[in-house]
Amino acid sequence: MKKIILLIALTSTSVIFAQDYPKSLPDFEISNQNNETFTQDDVSQDSYAYFIYFNPTCGHCKTAFKTLNLHVEDLKNTKFKLYPVSAKNDKDTHAFFENYAPKLLALNNVQILLDDNYKFADTFFVKGYPTAFLYDKNQKLVKVYNGESKIMGFMDEIK
């Protein structure tokens, strides 16, 4: 009887964890820095898509984006699209990039998005800052990265 209860508990737990993150790119609607609507239909389908949800006031996010800034040459030569998704307004987000990741602003494969009402965070079940989501060309979830130390981990997946 104890084994059956343990099996049920483990199965229930794995279902809860399996539901944590959408397995394919969910429907969402946020804005870009030009205050235009950006949805899942606007996501590039000719390469990997790497969303990084961050808050410009977060110390861990500052460290993560400093790391990305240091590796800008690697990022420039890799086939993927980077979508930093800010939990703040355009002014705070722009200042953040100027201070912590200015080299990213010059990359063609970067598009900064804004989620100042947390709709993206709710849809993607973001649990902390920074949280990154790697999707393949078919918009299927490859991996989720939590924390600043994992920010470059996606490079191993797409090479």
N, C-alpha and C. Protein backbone atom coordinates (compact mmCIF):
# COMPACT_ATOMS: atom_id res chain seq x y z
N MET A 1 0.82 -1.18 0.00
CA MET A 1 0.00 0.00 0.00
C MET A 1 0.87 1.26 0.00
N LYS A 2 1.96 1.23 0.78
CA LYS A 2 2.86 2.39 0.82
C LYS A 2 3.49 2.65 -0.54
N LYS A 3 3.79 1.56 -1.28
CA LYS A 3 4.39 1.72 -2.62
C LYS A 3 3.40 2.37 -3.58
N ILE A 4 2.12 2.01 -3.46
CA ILE A 4 1.10 2.59 -4.33
C ILE A 4 0.95 4.09 -4.03
N ILE A 5 0.91 4.44 -2.77
CA ILE A 5 0.79 5.85 -2.39
C ILE A 5 2.01 6.63 -2.87
N LEU A 6 3.20 6.06 -2.72
CA LEU A 6 4.42 6.71 -3.19
C LEU A 6 4.40 6.88 -4.70
N LEU A 7 3.95 5.86 -5.42
CA LEU A 7 3.86 5.94 -6.88
C LEU A 7 2.88 7.03 -7.31
N ILE A 8 1.74 7.12 -6.65
CA ILE A 8 0.76 8.16 -6.96
C ILE A 8 1.35 9.54 -6.67
N ALA A 9 2.04 9.68 -5.55
CA ALA A 9 2.64 10.96 -5.19
C ALA A 9 3.70 11.37 -6.21
N LEU A 10 4.54 10.44 -6.62
CA LEU A 10 5.58 10.75 -7.61
C LEU A 10 4.98 11.10 -8.96
N THR A 11 3.95 10.38 -9.37
CA THR A 11 3.29 10.66 -10.63
C THR A 11 2.64 12.04 -10.59
N SER A 12 1.97 12.36 -9.52
CA SER A 12 1.33 13.67 -9.38
C SER A 12 2.36 14.78 -9.41
N THR A 13 3.49 14.57 -8.74
CA THR A 13 4.55 15.57 -8.71
C THR A 13 5.12 15.78 -10.10
N SER A 14 5.36 14.71 -10.84
CA SER A 14 5.94 14.88 -12.18
C SER A 14 4.96 15.58 -13.12
N VAL A 15 3.68 15.36 -12.93
CA VAL A 15 2.69 16.06 -13.76
C VAL A 15 2.71 17.54 -13.44
N ILE A 16 2.82 17.89 -12.17
CA ILE A 16 2.87 19.30 -11.79
C ILE A 16 4.10 19.95 -12.40
N PHE A 17 5.25 19.30 -12.30
CA PHE A 17 6.46 19.87 -12.88
C PHE A 17 6.38 19.94 -14.39
N ALA A 18 5.78 18.94 -15.01
CA ALA A 18 5.66 18.91 -16.47
C ALA A 18 4.80 20.07 -16.96
N GLN A 19 3.89 20.54 -16.14
CA GLN A 19 3.01 21.62 -16.53
C GLN A 19 3.62 22.99 -16.26
N ASP A 20 4.79 23.04 -15.65
CA ASP A 20 5.39 24.32 -15.29
C ASP A 20 5.63 25.23 -16.49
N TYR A 21 6.16 24.70 -17.56
CA TYR A 21 6.51 25.52 -18.72
C TYR A 21 5.81 24.98 -19.96
N PRO A 22 5.31 25.88 -20.79
CA PRO A 22 4.68 25.42 -22.04
C PRO A 22 5.70 24.69 -22.92
N LYS A 23 5.32 23.56 -23.47
CA LYS A 23 6.23 22.74 -24.29
C LYS A 23 6.43 23.30 -25.69
N SER A 24 5.54 24.14 -26.11
CA SER A 24 5.72 24.86 -27.38
C SER A 24 5.40 26.33 -27.12
N LEU A 25 5.82 27.17 -28.02
CA LEU A 25 5.67 28.61 -27.83
C LEU A 25 4.19 28.96 -27.68
N PRO A 26 3.81 29.49 -26.52
CA PRO A 26 2.39 29.80 -26.30
C PRO A 26 1.98 31.10 -26.97
N ASP A 27 0.69 31.32 -27.05
CA ASP A 27 0.17 32.59 -27.53
C ASP A 27 0.50 33.66 -26.50
N PHE A 28 1.02 34.78 -26.96
CA PHE A 28 1.29 35.90 -26.07
C PHE A 28 1.21 37.20 -26.86
N GLU A 29 1.06 38.29 -26.14
CA GLU A 29 1.02 39.61 -26.77
C GLU A 29 1.67 40.61 -25.83
N ILE A 30 2.80 41.16 -26.27
CA ILE A 30 3.49 42.21 -25.53
C ILE A 30 3.85 43.30 -26.53
N SER A 31 4.81 44.16 -26.21
CA SER A 31 5.17 45.21 -27.16
C SER A 31 6.67 45.26 -27.38
N ASN A 32 7.05 45.85 -28.50
CA ASN A 32 8.47 46.07 -28.75
C ASN A 32 8.79 47.51 -28.31
N GLN A 33 10.03 47.94 -28.55
CA GLN A 33 10.43 49.26 -28.10
C GLN A 33 9.80 50.40 -28.90
N ASN A 34 9.18 50.08 -30.01
CA ASN A 34 8.45 51.10 -30.78
C ASN A 34 6.99 51.15 -30.38
N ASN A 35 6.67 50.47 -29.30
CA ASN A 35 5.30 50.39 -28.77
C ASN A 35 4.35 49.71 -29.75
N GLU A 36 4.88 48.81 -30.57
CA GLU A 36 4.07 48.01 -31.49
C GLU A 36 3.82 46.65 -30.85
N THR A 37 2.71 46.06 -31.17
CA THR A 37 2.37 44.74 -30.64
C THR A 37 3.32 43.69 -31.20
N PHE A 38 3.75 42.80 -30.32
CA PHE A 38 4.62 41.68 -30.69
C PHE A 38 3.97 40.41 -30.15
N THR A 39 3.75 39.43 -31.03
CA THR A 39 3.11 38.17 -30.63
C THR A 39 3.98 36.99 -31.04
N GLN A 40 3.52 35.80 -30.71
CA GLN A 40 4.24 34.59 -31.10
C GLN A 40 4.37 34.47 -32.61
N ASP A 41 3.48 35.07 -33.36
CA ASP A 41 3.56 35.03 -34.82
C ASP A 41 4.74 35.85 -35.36
N ASP A 42 5.25 36.77 -34.56
CA ASP A 42 6.38 37.60 -34.97
C ASP A 42 7.74 36.97 -34.66
N VAL A 43 7.72 35.85 -33.98
CA VAL A 43 8.97 35.18 -33.61
C VAL A 43 9.59 34.54 -34.84
N SER A 44 10.87 34.77 -35.01
CA SER A 44 11.61 34.21 -36.15
C SER A 44 11.49 32.69 -36.17
N GLN A 45 11.20 32.14 -37.35
CA GLN A 45 11.09 30.68 -37.48
C GLN A 45 12.22 30.10 -38.33
N ASP A 46 13.22 30.91 -38.63
CA ASP A 46 14.35 30.38 -39.40
C ASP A 46 15.56 30.09 -38.51
N SER A 47 15.38 30.23 -37.20
CA SER A 47 16.47 29.95 -36.27
C SER A 47 15.90 29.70 -34.88
N TYR A 48 16.78 29.37 -33.95
CA TYR A 48 16.37 29.24 -32.57
C TYR A 48 15.91 30.60 -32.05
N ALA A 49 14.99 30.59 -31.10
CA ALA A 49 14.54 31.81 -30.42
C ALA A 49 14.89 31.67 -28.95
N TYR A 50 15.59 32.67 -28.43
CA TYR A 50 16.04 32.65 -27.03
C TYR A 50 15.46 33.87 -26.32
N PHE A 51 14.45 33.62 -25.48
CA PHE A 51 13.80 34.67 -24.70
C PHE A 51 14.46 34.73 -23.33
N ILE A 52 14.84 35.92 -22.91
CA ILE A 52 15.37 36.11 -21.56
C ILE A 52 14.48 37.10 -20.84
N TYR A 53 13.77 36.62 -19.84
CA TYR A 53 12.90 37.49 -19.06
C TYR A 53 13.73 38.09 -17.93
N PHE A 54 13.73 39.42 -17.83
CA PHE A 54 14.58 40.08 -16.84
C PHE A 54 13.92 41.35 -16.32
N ASN A 55 14.49 41.85 -15.24
CA ASN A 55 14.06 43.11 -14.66
C ASN A 55 15.29 44.00 -14.58
N PRO A 56 15.26 45.20 -15.14
CA PRO A 56 16.43 46.07 -15.14
C PRO A 56 16.96 46.45 -13.75
N THR A 57 16.16 46.27 -12.71
CA THR A 57 16.62 46.58 -11.36
C THR A 57 17.23 45.38 -10.65
N CYS A 58 17.20 44.23 -11.28
CA CYS A 58 17.66 42.96 -10.68
C CYS A 58 19.17 42.82 -10.79
N GLY A 59 19.85 42.58 -9.69
CA GLY A 59 21.30 42.39 -9.68
C GLY A 59 21.73 41.17 -10.48
N HIS A 60 20.98 40.08 -10.38
CA HIS A 60 21.31 38.86 -11.14
C HIS A 60 21.19 39.11 -12.64
N CYS A 61 20.21 39.93 -13.02
CA CYS A 61 20.02 40.26 -14.44
C CYS A 61 21.17 41.10 -14.95
N LYS A 62 21.64 42.02 -14.14
CA LYS A 62 22.78 42.85 -14.52
C LYS A 62 23.99 41.97 -14.81
N THR A 63 24.23 41.01 -13.92
CA THR A 63 25.36 40.09 -14.11
C THR A 63 25.17 39.26 -15.37
N ALA A 64 23.97 38.76 -15.59
CA ALA A 64 23.69 37.94 -16.78
C ALA A 64 23.95 38.72 -18.07
N PHE A 65 23.47 39.94 -18.13
CA PHE A 65 23.64 40.72 -19.36
C PHE A 65 25.07 41.23 -19.53
N LYS A 66 25.79 41.43 -18.44
CA LYS A 66 27.22 41.73 -18.56
C LYS A 66 27.93 40.54 -19.21
N THR A 67 27.54 39.33 -18.82
CA THR A 67 28.11 38.12 -19.41
C THR A 67 27.80 38.04 -20.90
N LEU A 68 26.56 38.27 -21.27
CA LEU A 68 26.18 38.27 -22.69
C LEU A 68 26.99 39.32 -23.45
N ASN A 69 27.16 40.47 -22.85
CA ASN A 69 27.92 41.56 -23.48
C ASN A 69 29.37 41.14 -23.72
N LEU A 70 29.95 40.40 -22.79
CA LEU A 70 31.32 39.92 -22.94
C LEU A 70 31.46 38.91 -24.07
N HIS A 71 30.39 38.19 -24.37
CA HIS A 71 30.40 37.13 -25.39
C HIS A 71 29.72 37.57 -26.69
N VAL A 72 29.69 38.87 -26.95
CA VAL A 72 28.97 39.39 -28.09
C VAL A 72 29.48 38.82 -29.42
N GLU A 73 30.76 38.55 -29.54
CA GLU A 73 31.29 37.98 -30.79
C GLU A 73 30.75 36.58 -31.03
N ASP A 74 30.65 35.78 -29.97
CA ASP A 74 30.06 34.44 -30.09
C ASP A 74 28.58 34.54 -30.48
N LEU A 75 27.88 35.49 -29.89
CA LEU A 75 26.46 35.67 -30.16
C LEU A 75 26.22 36.14 -31.59
N LYS A 76 27.12 36.97 -32.09
CA LYS A 76 26.99 37.51 -33.43
C LYS A 76 27.14 36.42 -34.48
N ASN A 77 27.94 35.41 -34.19
CA ASN A 77 28.24 34.35 -35.17
C ASN A 77 27.42 33.09 -34.96
N THR A 78 26.34 33.18 -34.22
CA THR A 78 25.49 32.02 -33.94
C THR A 78 24.10 32.28 -34.53
N LYS A 79 23.52 31.23 -35.13
CA LYS A 79 22.21 31.40 -35.77
C LYS A 79 21.09 31.22 -34.73
N PHE A 80 20.68 32.34 -34.18
CA PHE A 80 19.57 32.37 -33.24
C PHE A 80 19.08 33.81 -33.15
N LYS A 81 17.90 33.99 -32.58
CA LYS A 81 17.35 35.32 -32.37
C LYS A 81 17.18 35.50 -30.86
N LEU A 82 17.74 36.57 -30.34
CA LEU A 82 17.68 36.88 -28.91
C LEU A 82 16.56 37.88 -28.66
N TYR A 83 15.65 37.48 -27.75
CA TYR A 83 14.54 38.34 -27.37
C TYR A 83 14.61 38.63 -25.88
N PRO A 84 15.34 39.67 -25.48
CA PRO A 84 15.28 40.07 -24.07
C PRO A 84 13.89 40.65 -23.80
N VAL A 85 13.24 40.17 -22.75
CA VAL A 85 11.89 40.64 -22.42
C VAL A 85 11.97 41.33 -21.06
N SER A 86 11.82 42.64 -21.07
CA SER A 86 11.96 43.45 -19.86
C SER A 86 10.65 43.58 -19.10
N ALA A 87 10.75 43.51 -17.79
CA ALA A 87 9.59 43.69 -16.92
C ALA A 87 9.36 45.17 -16.58
N LYS A 88 10.08 46.05 -17.26
CA LYS A 88 9.94 47.49 -17.00
C LYS A 88 9.65 48.24 -18.29
N ASN A 89 9.57 49.54 -18.20
CA ASN A 89 9.25 50.38 -19.35
C ASN A 89 10.47 50.58 -20.25
N ASP A 90 10.24 51.23 -21.38
CA ASP A 90 11.30 51.41 -22.37
C ASP A 90 12.46 52.25 -21.84
N LYS A 91 12.17 53.30 -21.10
CA LYS A 91 13.22 54.17 -20.56
C LYS A 91 14.16 53.39 -19.65
N ASP A 92 13.62 52.64 -18.69
CA ASP A 92 14.44 51.85 -17.77
C ASP A 92 15.21 50.75 -18.51
N THR A 93 14.55 50.17 -19.49
CA THR A 93 15.18 49.09 -20.26
C THR A 93 16.33 49.62 -21.10
N HIS A 94 16.13 50.74 -21.75
CA HIS A 94 17.19 51.32 -22.57
C HIS A 94 18.40 51.69 -21.69
N ALA A 95 18.15 52.29 -20.55
CA ALA A 95 19.24 52.64 -19.63
C ALA A 95 19.98 51.39 -19.17
N PHE A 96 19.24 50.32 -18.91
CA PHE A 96 19.85 49.05 -18.52
C PHE A 96 20.83 48.56 -19.59
N PHE A 97 20.39 48.56 -20.85
CA PHE A 97 21.27 48.09 -21.92
C PHE A 97 22.46 49.01 -22.12
N GLU A 98 22.27 50.29 -22.01
CA GLU A 98 23.39 51.24 -22.14
C GLU A 98 24.45 50.98 -21.07
N ASN A 99 24.01 50.62 -19.87
CA ASN A 99 24.94 50.41 -18.75
C ASN A 99 25.55 49.01 -18.70
N TYR A 100 24.79 47.99 -19.03
CA TYR A 100 25.24 46.61 -18.78
C TYR A 100 25.46 45.77 -20.04
N ALA A 101 24.86 46.14 -21.15
CA ALA A 101 25.01 45.33 -22.36
C ALA A 101 24.95 46.18 -23.62
N PRO A 102 25.77 47.21 -23.71
CA PRO A 102 25.67 48.11 -24.87
C PRO A 102 26.02 47.44 -26.20
N LYS A 103 26.87 46.43 -26.18
CA LYS A 103 27.26 45.75 -27.42
C LYS A 103 26.10 44.96 -28.02
N LEU A 104 25.17 44.53 -27.19
CA LEU A 104 24.02 43.77 -27.68
C LEU A 104 23.12 44.64 -28.56
N LEU A 105 23.09 45.93 -28.27
CA LEU A 105 22.24 46.85 -29.04
C LEU A 105 22.63 46.91 -30.51
N ALA A 106 23.87 46.59 -30.81
CA ALA A 106 24.35 46.67 -32.20
C ALA A 106 24.13 45.37 -32.98
N LEU A 107 23.68 44.32 -32.33
CA LEU A 107 23.49 43.04 -33.01
C LEU A 107 22.18 43.02 -33.79
N ASN A 108 22.21 42.45 -34.97
CA ASN A 108 21.01 42.33 -35.80
C ASN A 108 20.05 41.26 -35.30
N ASN A 109 20.56 40.31 -34.52
CA ASN A 109 19.71 39.21 -34.07
C ASN A 109 19.14 39.44 -32.67
N VAL A 110 19.04 40.70 -32.26
CA VAL A 110 18.47 41.04 -30.95
C VAL A 110 17.26 41.93 -31.15
N GLN A 111 16.17 41.57 -30.49
CA GLN A 111 14.98 42.42 -30.49
C GLN A 111 14.46 42.52 -29.07
N ILE A 112 14.53 43.70 -28.52
CA ILE A 112 14.12 43.93 -27.13
C ILE A 112 12.60 44.09 -27.07
N LEU A 113 12.02 43.40 -26.10
CA LEU A 113 10.57 43.43 -25.90
C LEU A 113 10.25 43.91 -24.50
N LEU A 114 9.04 44.43 -24.32
CA LEU A 114 8.62 45.00 -23.04
C LEU A 114 7.37 44.31 -22.51
N ASP A 115 7.42 43.98 -21.23
CA ASP A 115 6.29 43.29 -20.58
C ASP A 115 6.00 43.98 -19.26
N ASP A 116 5.70 45.26 -19.30
CA ASP A 116 5.52 45.99 -18.05
C ASP A 116 4.20 45.69 -17.33
N ASN A 117 3.37 44.82 -17.90
CA ASN A 117 2.15 44.39 -17.21
C ASN A 117 2.19 42.90 -16.84
N TYR A 118 3.33 42.25 -17.04
CA TYR A 118 3.60 40.87 -16.62
C TYR A 118 2.75 39.80 -17.32
N LYS A 119 2.20 40.12 -18.49
CA LYS A 119 1.42 39.11 -19.23
C LYS A 119 2.33 37.99 -19.74
N PHE A 120 3.51 38.35 -20.24
CA PHE A 120 4.47 37.34 -20.71
C PHE A 120 4.89 36.45 -19.54
N ALA A 121 5.21 37.07 -18.42
CA ALA A 121 5.64 36.32 -17.23
C ALA A 121 4.58 35.32 -16.79
N ASP A 122 3.34 35.74 -16.81
CA ASP A 122 2.25 34.84 -16.42
C ASP A 122 2.09 33.70 -17.42
N THR A 123 2.15 34.00 -18.70
CA THR A 123 1.96 32.98 -19.75
C THR A 123 3.08 31.95 -19.73
N PHE A 124 4.31 32.39 -19.46
CA PHE A 124 5.47 31.50 -19.49
C PHE A 124 5.83 30.93 -18.12
N PHE A 125 5.06 31.26 -17.10
CA PHE A 125 5.28 30.77 -15.74
C PHE A 125 6.67 31.12 -15.23
N VAL A 126 7.07 32.37 -15.43
CA VAL A 126 8.36 32.83 -14.94
C VAL A 126 8.35 32.81 -13.42
N LYS A 127 9.42 32.25 -12.85
CA LYS A 127 9.50 32.11 -11.40
C LYS A 127 10.54 33.02 -10.77
N GLY A 128 11.37 33.65 -11.57
CA GLY A 128 12.40 34.53 -11.03
C GLY A 128 13.17 35.20 -12.14
N TYR A 129 14.06 36.07 -11.75
CA TYR A 129 14.88 36.81 -12.71
C TYR A 129 16.32 36.33 -12.65
N PRO A 130 17.00 36.23 -13.74
CA PRO A 130 16.48 36.08 -15.09
C PRO A 130 16.04 34.64 -15.33
N THR A 131 15.06 34.48 -16.19
CA THR A 131 14.64 33.16 -16.67
C THR A 131 14.68 33.21 -18.20
N ALA A 132 15.31 32.20 -18.78
CA ALA A 132 15.47 32.17 -20.24
C ALA A 132 14.84 30.92 -20.82
N PHE A 133 14.26 31.07 -22.01
CA PHE A 133 13.57 29.99 -22.69
C PHE A 133 14.15 29.84 -24.08
N LEU A 134 14.63 28.65 -24.41
CA LEU A 134 15.15 28.37 -25.74
C LEU A 134 14.13 27.55 -26.51
N TYR A 135 13.73 28.07 -27.70
CA TYR A 135 12.80 27.37 -28.58
C TYR A 135 13.49 27.07 -29.89
N ASP A 136 13.18 25.91 -30.47
CA ASP A 136 13.77 25.54 -31.76
C ASP A 136 13.00 26.20 -32.91
N LYS A 137 13.38 25.87 -34.14
CA LYS A 137 12.76 26.46 -35.33
C LYS A 137 11.28 26.12 -35.45
N ASN A 138 10.87 25.02 -34.84
CA ASN A 138 9.47 24.61 -34.85
C ASN A 138 8.70 25.14 -33.65
N GLN A 139 9.33 26.05 -32.93
CA GLN A 139 8.75 26.69 -31.75
C GLN A 139 8.44 25.70 -30.62
N LYS A 140 9.27 24.68 -30.53
CA LYS A 140 9.17 23.71 -29.43
C LYS A 140 10.20 24.07 -28.38
N LEU A 141 9.82 23.97 -27.12
CA LEU A 141 10.71 24.29 -26.02
C LEU A 141 11.88 23.31 -25.99
N VAL A 142 13.09 23.83 -26.01
CA VAL A 142 14.29 23.01 -25.91
C VAL A 142 14.72 22.93 -24.45
N LYS A 143 14.81 24.10 -23.80
CA LYS A 143 15.30 24.12 -22.43
C LYS A 143 14.97 25.45 -21.77
N VAL A 144 14.84 25.42 -20.44
CA VAL A 144 14.63 26.61 -19.64
C VAL A 144 15.86 26.79 -18.74
N TYR A 145 16.34 28.02 -18.66
CA TYR A 145 17.52 28.34 -17.86
C TYR A 145 17.12 29.35 -16.80
N ASN A 146 17.42 29.04 -15.55
CA ASN A 146 17.10 29.94 -14.45
C ASN A 146 18.38 30.46 -13.81
N GLY A 147 18.48 31.76 -13.65
CA GLY A 147 19.62 32.36 -12.97
C GLY A 147 20.70 32.84 -13.91
N GLU A 148 21.53 33.73 -13.39
CA GLU A 148 22.55 34.35 -14.23
C GLU A 148 23.66 33.41 -14.64
N SER A 149 23.96 32.40 -13.83
CA SER A 149 25.07 31.50 -14.15
C SER A 149 24.77 30.61 -15.36
N LYS A 150 23.53 30.47 -15.73
CA LYS A 150 23.12 29.60 -16.84
C LYS A 150 22.86 30.35 -18.14
N ILE A 151 23.08 31.65 -18.14
CA ILE A 151 22.64 32.50 -19.26
C ILE A 151 23.26 32.11 -20.60
N MET A 152 24.49 31.60 -20.61
CA MET A 152 25.15 31.21 -21.85
C MET A 152 24.97 29.72 -22.15
N GLY A 153 24.25 29.00 -21.32
CA GLY A 153 24.06 27.56 -21.50
C GLY A 153 23.39 27.18 -22.81
N PHE A 154 22.61 28.07 -23.36
CA PHE A 154 21.91 27.77 -24.60
C PHE A 154 22.87 27.53 -25.76
N MET A 155 24.07 28.08 -25.69
CA MET A 155 25.04 27.92 -26.79
C MET A 155 25.39 26.44 -27.00
N ASP A 156 25.40 25.65 -25.93
CA ASP A 156 25.68 24.21 -26.07
C ASP A 156 24.56 23.50 -26.80
N GLU A 157 23.35 23.99 -26.68
CA GLU A 157 22.19 23.35 -27.31
C GLU A 157 22.09 23.63 -28.81
N ILE A 158 22.55 24.80 -29.24
CA ILE A 158 22.31 25.19 -30.63
C ILE A 158 23.51 24.97 -31.55
N LYS A 159 24.61 24.52 -31.01
CA LYS A 159 25.79 24.26 -31.86
C LYS A 159 25.73 22.90 -32.48
